[in-house]
Amino acid sequence: MSALAIIAALVIEQWRPLGDRKAVHGTLAAWASWLEQSFNGGERRHGVVAWLVAVVPPVLLALLAHYLLRAVHPLLALLFNVAVLYLTLGFRQFSHYFTDIQLAVKSGDIERARMLLDQWRGASGVVRAREEVIRLTIEEALLASHRHVFGVLLWYLVLPGPSGAVLYRLAAYFAGRWQDAGGFGDFAQRIFHVLDWPAVRLSAAAFAVVGDFEDAVYCWRTQASSWADPNAGIVLAAGAGAMGVRLGMPVQEVEGMQPRPELGVGEPAEGPFLDSTVGLLWRAVVVWVFVLVIFTLARLL
């Protein structure tokens, strides 16, 4: 059932992307705002309570609905799983930015590419060179694919029903939402780090398998730990090594120059590496699904 639900959700999303995802994000934002107003007293224990109230009920509800529907008919449970994965999993949650930037770079409209990158990363107003625009776009795509596809896939498979997909996406959302909330956001950051720990390693392993394995593993082992967020560093280092491109390096932001180590080996980021990124991500998804299908068939036989 897991393999079929994942394949169905990916196919449906490519065929008919969810058009009202802004409504989903708006509902989450309103829910998060209410939690902040109700529980944020500036202390860590307040953040723990808020996170439990925010995440545990939807996860349990998804689990309960899965088992109830499966008791009625397995097909209903399958349809429910596909629906939840359709909401939580997929390239279309970020790929429109990447595709538009890719088209702008190919047409030579770097100003539009800069504007789109600012919208994706958060407006900075910094005028970036062409190579930097491409480099940051690749970084955003690697991280977004991990958090919207590979991390969701892992936890969907680990926990029963679609509860793992709901858990991972909500944990990722609240970790990002409360990252600057001081003590209130500490628990959200820590719990997401724990959930992300196995997911980043499987994402990196998938990049290595479908790309340059030796360079991906070398960059993963020698460069990832130098990144500010080691989990993100693993994804970026392995992806850069797999494609033979150099990522990272210092960038100018609103608050000043951000010192970032160099990741990857090979050539500076140029337009063709945007196409390489798309190929790497799709090959990695195919490998995940293929392995899952093999395990499913083996279990059935």
Protein backbone atom coordinates (compact mmCIF):
# COMPACT_ATOMS: atom_id res chain seq x y z
CA MET A 1 0.00 0.00 0.00
CA SER A 2 2.82 2.42 0.87
CA ALA A 3 4.49 2.22 -2.54
CA LEU A 4 1.17 2.56 -4.37
CA ALA A 5 0.14 5.58 -2.27
CA ILE A 6 3.47 7.35 -2.86
CA ILE A 7 3.42 6.74 -6.61
CA ALA A 8 -0.21 7.84 -6.86
CA ALA A 9 0.41 11.02 -4.87
CA LEU A 10 3.44 11.98 -6.98
CA VAL A 11 1.61 11.31 -10.25
CA ILE A 12 -1.49 13.25 -9.18
CA GLU A 13 0.60 16.19 -8.02
CA GLN A 14 2.41 16.38 -11.36
CA TRP A 15 -0.84 16.03 -13.26
CA ARG A 16 -2.89 18.45 -11.17
CA PRO A 17 -0.88 20.49 -8.65
CA LEU A 18 -2.72 21.59 -5.54
CA GLY A 19 -3.98 25.04 -6.40
CA ASP A 20 -5.07 26.23 -2.95
CA ARG A 21 -1.91 25.36 -1.01
CA LYS A 22 -1.85 29.00 0.15
CA ALA A 23 -5.08 28.29 2.01
CA VAL A 24 -3.37 25.38 3.80
CA HIS A 25 -0.41 27.57 4.72
CA GLY A 26 -2.77 30.35 5.81
CA THR A 27 -4.60 27.96 8.12
CA LEU A 28 -1.30 26.77 9.59
CA ALA A 29 -0.12 30.35 10.07
CA ALA A 30 -3.33 31.29 11.87
CA TRP A 31 -3.02 28.19 14.08
CA ALA A 32 0.60 29.03 14.87
CA SER A 33 -0.30 32.64 15.71
CA TRP A 34 -3.00 31.50 18.13
CA LEU A 35 -0.55 29.12 19.81
CA GLU A 36 2.02 31.88 20.16
CA GLN A 37 -0.50 34.25 21.71
CA SER A 38 -1.88 31.57 24.03
CA PHE A 39 1.30 29.85 25.20
CA ASN A 40 4.35 32.00 24.53
CA GLY A 41 5.61 33.19 27.88
CA GLY A 42 9.19 33.18 26.71
CA GLU A 43 10.13 29.94 28.45
CA ARG A 44 11.09 26.57 27.03
CA ARG A 45 8.29 24.69 28.82
CA HIS A 46 5.73 26.95 27.15
CA GLY A 47 7.17 25.98 23.78
CA VAL A 48 6.94 22.28 24.69
CA VAL A 49 3.24 22.59 25.51
CA ALA A 50 2.55 24.65 22.38
CA TRP A 51 4.35 22.11 20.16
CA LEU A 52 2.46 19.18 21.68
CA VAL A 53 -0.86 20.97 21.21
CA ALA A 54 0.06 21.88 17.63
CA VAL A 55 1.41 18.56 16.41
CA VAL A 56 0.17 15.62 18.46
CA PRO A 57 -3.61 15.94 17.80
CA PRO A 58 -3.27 16.04 13.96
CA VAL A 59 -0.86 13.10 14.04
CA LEU A 60 -3.19 11.02 16.21
CA LEU A 61 -6.18 12.03 14.09
CA ALA A 62 -4.38 10.87 10.92
CA LEU A 63 -3.49 7.59 12.61
CA LEU A 64 -7.03 7.01 13.88
CA ALA A 65 -8.61 7.85 10.53
CA HIS A 66 -6.25 5.44 8.77
CA TYR A 67 -7.14 2.50 11.01
CA LEU A 68 -10.87 3.25 10.98
CA LEU A 69 -10.95 3.47 7.18
CA ARG A 70 -8.84 0.34 6.83
CA ALA A 71 -11.31 -1.50 9.05
CA VAL A 72 -14.11 -0.50 6.69
CA HIS A 73 -12.17 -1.22 3.49
CA PRO A 74 -8.43 -1.12 2.61
CA LEU A 75 -9.19 0.95 -0.49
CA LEU A 76 -10.57 3.76 1.67
CA ALA A 77 -7.38 3.76 3.74
CA LEU A 78 -5.33 3.88 0.54
CA LEU A 79 -7.30 6.85 -0.77
CA PHE A 80 -6.86 8.64 2.57
CA ASN A 81 -3.11 8.04 2.49
CA VAL A 82 -2.89 9.38 -1.06
CA ALA A 83 -4.85 12.49 -0.04
CA VAL A 84 -2.58 13.21 2.93
CA LEU A 85 0.56 12.64 0.86
CA TYR A 86 -0.87 14.93 -1.81
CA LEU A 87 -0.99 17.69 0.82
CA THR A 88 2.39 16.99 2.42
CA LEU A 89 4.62 15.52 -0.29
CA GLY A 90 5.85 16.75 -3.62
CA PHE A 91 8.03 18.87 -5.84
CA ARG A 92 5.30 21.34 -6.69
CA GLN A 93 5.51 22.88 -3.23
CA PHE A 94 8.76 24.57 -4.29
CA SER A 95 9.46 23.75 -7.93
CA HIS A 96 7.57 26.73 -9.38
CA TYR A 97 10.24 29.06 -7.98
CA PHE A 98 13.05 26.85 -9.26
CA THR A 99 11.49 26.48 -12.72
CA ASP A 100 10.85 30.22 -13.08
CA ILE A 101 14.42 31.05 -12.02
CA GLN A 102 15.76 28.42 -14.41
CA LEU A 103 13.80 29.93 -17.31
CA ALA A 104 14.90 33.46 -16.36
CA VAL A 105 18.57 32.43 -16.29
CA LYS A 106 18.29 30.67 -19.66
CA SER A 107 16.70 33.77 -21.21
CA GLY A 108 19.38 36.03 -19.73
CA ASP A 109 16.92 37.89 -17.46
CA ILE A 110 19.09 37.86 -14.34
CA GLU A 111 17.12 40.69 -12.74
CA ARG A 112 13.97 38.56 -12.77
CA ALA A 113 15.96 35.59 -11.46
CA ARG A 114 17.19 37.76 -8.55
CA MET A 115 13.65 38.87 -7.76
CA LEU A 116 12.33 35.31 -7.77
CA LEU A 117 15.20 34.12 -5.59
CA ASP A 118 14.43 36.88 -3.08
CA GLN A 119 10.78 35.80 -3.01
CA TRP A 120 11.83 32.19 -2.39
CA ARG A 121 14.48 32.83 0.26
CA GLY A 122 12.92 35.94 1.77
CA ALA A 123 13.52 39.43 0.41
CA SER A 124 17.06 40.68 1.01
CA GLY A 125 17.47 43.52 -1.48
CA VAL A 126 21.03 42.36 -2.14
CA VAL A 127 22.15 42.59 -5.77
CA ARG A 128 23.67 39.22 -6.57
CA ALA A 129 25.90 38.13 -9.41
CA ARG A 130 24.66 35.55 -11.90
CA GLU A 131 26.78 32.75 -10.43
CA GLU A 132 25.56 33.51 -6.92
CA VAL A 133 21.92 33.47 -8.04
CA ILE A 134 22.42 30.03 -9.60
CA ARG A 135 24.36 28.72 -6.60
CA LEU A 136 21.76 29.84 -4.05
CA THR A 137 18.94 28.49 -6.24
CA ILE A 138 20.57 25.05 -6.31
CA GLU A 139 21.02 25.14 -2.53
CA GLU A 140 17.38 26.04 -1.97
CA ALA A 141 16.25 23.28 -4.34
CA LEU A 142 18.34 20.61 -2.60
CA LEU A 143 17.07 21.59 0.86
CA ALA A 144 13.46 22.00 -0.27
CA SER A 145 13.45 18.63 -2.02
CA HIS A 146 14.74 17.00 1.14
CA ARG A 147 12.12 18.61 3.37
CA HIS A 148 9.18 18.31 0.98
CA VAL A 149 9.97 14.91 -0.52
CA PHE A 150 12.62 12.70 1.05
CA GLY A 151 12.02 13.56 4.71
CA VAL A 152 8.27 13.10 4.26
CA LEU A 153 8.85 9.78 2.48
CA LEU A 154 11.01 8.41 5.27
CA TRP A 155 8.61 9.20 8.11
CA TYR A 156 5.61 8.10 6.08
CA LEU A 157 7.26 4.69 5.82
CA VAL A 158 8.44 4.56 9.45
CA LEU A 159 5.13 5.34 11.19
CA PRO A 160 1.78 3.67 10.46
CA GLY A 161 -0.61 5.23 8.00
CA PRO A 162 0.06 8.83 6.99
CA SER A 163 0.86 9.90 10.57
CA GLY A 164 4.60 10.08 9.86
CA ALA A 165 4.11 12.43 6.91
CA VAL A 166 1.92 14.71 9.03
CA LEU A 167 4.42 14.60 11.91
CA TYR A 168 7.41 15.51 9.75
CA ARG A 169 5.74 18.33 7.84
CA LEU A 170 4.25 19.92 10.96
CA ALA A 171 7.55 19.58 12.84
CA ALA A 172 9.38 21.23 9.94
CA TYR A 173 6.83 24.03 9.77
CA PHE A 174 6.90 24.91 13.45
CA ALA A 175 10.68 24.61 13.65
CA GLY A 176 10.94 27.21 10.89
CA ARG A 177 8.15 29.35 12.32
CA TRP A 178 9.64 29.50 15.82
CA GLN A 179 13.35 29.50 15.02
CA ASP A 180 13.70 33.11 16.20
CA ALA A 181 11.37 32.76 19.19
CA GLY A 182 14.12 32.21 21.75
CA GLY A 183 13.40 29.70 24.50
CA PHE A 184 9.84 29.23 23.25
CA GLY A 185 11.12 27.73 20.00
CA ASP A 186 13.90 25.56 21.46
CA PHE A 187 11.83 22.38 21.70
CA ALA A 188 10.50 22.74 18.15
CA GLN A 189 14.08 23.09 16.90
CA ARG A 190 15.34 20.11 18.88
CA ILE A 191 12.54 17.73 17.97
CA PHE A 192 12.83 18.57 14.28
CA HIS A 193 16.60 18.03 14.44
CA VAL A 194 15.94 14.54 15.83
CA LEU A 195 13.35 13.75 13.12
CA ASP A 196 15.62 15.15 10.42
CA TRP A 197 18.75 13.26 11.53
CA PRO A 198 17.98 9.97 9.71
CA ALA A 199 16.20 11.71 6.85
CA VAL A 200 19.17 13.84 5.79
CA ARG A 201 21.41 10.79 5.69
CA LEU A 202 19.03 8.89 3.46
CA SER A 203 18.68 11.95 1.20
CA ALA A 204 22.45 12.25 0.98
CA ALA A 205 22.79 8.53 0.29
CA ALA A 206 20.23 8.81 -2.54
CA PHE A 207 22.16 11.73 -4.09
CA ALA A 208 25.37 9.72 -3.87
CA VAL A 209 23.82 6.65 -5.51
CA VAL A 210 22.39 8.56 -8.49
CA GLY A 211 25.31 11.00 -8.89
CA ASP A 212 29.07 10.91 -8.46
CA PHE A 213 29.24 8.49 -5.53
CA GLU A 214 32.88 9.01 -4.60
CA ASP A 215 32.75 12.82 -4.58
CA ALA A 216 29.38 12.87 -2.82
CA VAL A 217 30.64 10.70 0.03
CA TYR A 218 33.93 12.64 0.22
CA CYS A 219 32.15 16.00 0.51
CA TRP A 220 29.64 14.55 2.98
CA ARG A 221 32.40 13.26 5.27
CA THR A 222 34.79 16.21 5.04
CA GLN A 223 32.63 19.32 4.52
CA ALA A 224 29.16 18.84 6.00
CA SER A 225 30.17 19.34 9.64
CA SER A 226 31.54 22.82 8.87
CA TRP A 227 28.08 24.10 7.86
CA ALA A 228 26.15 26.10 10.47
CA ASP A 229 23.35 23.53 10.43
CA PRO A 230 25.07 20.12 10.14
CA ASN A 231 21.88 18.43 8.91
CA ALA A 232 21.51 20.93 6.06
CA GLY A 233 25.25 20.65 5.48
CA ILE A 234 24.95 16.92 4.79
CA VAL A 235 22.27 17.45 2.14
CA LEU A 236 24.13 20.32 0.46
CA ALA A 237 27.58 18.72 0.58
CA ALA A 238 26.37 15.39 -0.77
CA GLY A 239 24.30 17.07 -3.48
CA ALA A 240 27.17 19.32 -4.53
CA GLY A 241 29.59 16.40 -4.65
CA ALA A 242 27.13 14.26 -6.60
CA MET A 243 26.78 16.96 -9.28
CA GLY A 244 30.39 18.18 -9.31
CA VAL A 245 29.48 21.78 -8.48
CA ARG A 246 30.75 24.21 -5.85
CA LEU A 247 28.14 25.53 -3.43
CA GLY A 248 28.32 27.39 -0.13
CA MET A 249 30.89 30.23 0.11
CA PRO A 250 30.26 33.61 1.80
CA VAL A 251 27.20 35.59 0.73
CA GLN A 252 26.07 39.12 1.46
CA GLU A 253 22.81 39.38 3.40
CA VAL A 254 20.91 42.29 4.95
CA GLU A 255 22.65 41.77 8.29
CA GLY A 256 26.08 41.67 6.63
CA MET A 257 28.46 39.22 5.02
CA GLN A 258 27.65 35.66 6.08
CA PRO A 259 30.76 33.45 6.31
CA ARG A 260 29.88 30.09 4.81
CA PRO A 261 32.34 27.29 3.98
CA GLU A 262 32.72 26.00 0.45
CA LEU A 263 30.86 22.79 -0.29
CA GLY A 264 31.34 20.39 -3.16
CA VAL A 265 34.08 19.94 -5.72
CA GLY A 266 34.40 20.76 -9.38
CA GLU A 267 33.12 23.76 -11.30
CA PRO A 268 31.44 27.03 -10.25
CA ALA A 269 27.63 27.04 -10.45
CA GLU A 270 26.45 27.89 -13.96
CA GLY A 271 23.21 27.50 -15.89
CA PRO A 272 23.63 23.84 -16.91
CA PHE A 273 23.84 22.84 -13.25
CA LEU A 274 20.21 23.91 -12.83
CA ASP A 275 19.29 21.14 -15.29
CA SER A 276 21.64 18.78 -13.43
CA THR A 277 19.80 19.56 -10.18
CA VAL A 278 16.44 18.59 -11.69
CA GLY A 279 17.90 15.34 -13.00
CA LEU A 280 19.55 14.51 -9.68
CA LEU A 281 16.36 15.04 -7.69
CA TRP A 282 14.15 13.01 -10.01
CA ARG A 283 16.66 10.16 -10.18
CA ALA A 284 16.80 10.14 -6.37
CA VAL A 285 12.99 9.90 -6.17
CA VAL A 286 12.97 7.05 -8.68
CA VAL A 287 15.58 5.18 -6.62
CA TRP A 288 13.52 5.63 -3.43
CA VAL A 289 10.34 4.38 -5.10
CA PHE A 290 12.14 1.51 -6.85
CA VAL A 291 13.67 0.25 -3.60
CA LEU A 292 10.30 0.53 -1.87
CA VAL A 293 8.59 -1.43 -4.65
CA ILE A 294 11.24 -4.16 -4.42
CA PHE A 295 10.77 -4.47 -0.65
CA THR A 296 6.98 -4.51 -1.07
CA LEU A 297 7.14 -7.28 -3.66
CA ALA A 298 9.59 -9.26 -1.55
CA ARG A 299 7.27 -9.03 1.43
CA LEU A 300 4.29 -10.15 -0.63
CA LEU A 301 6.19 -13.10 -2.06
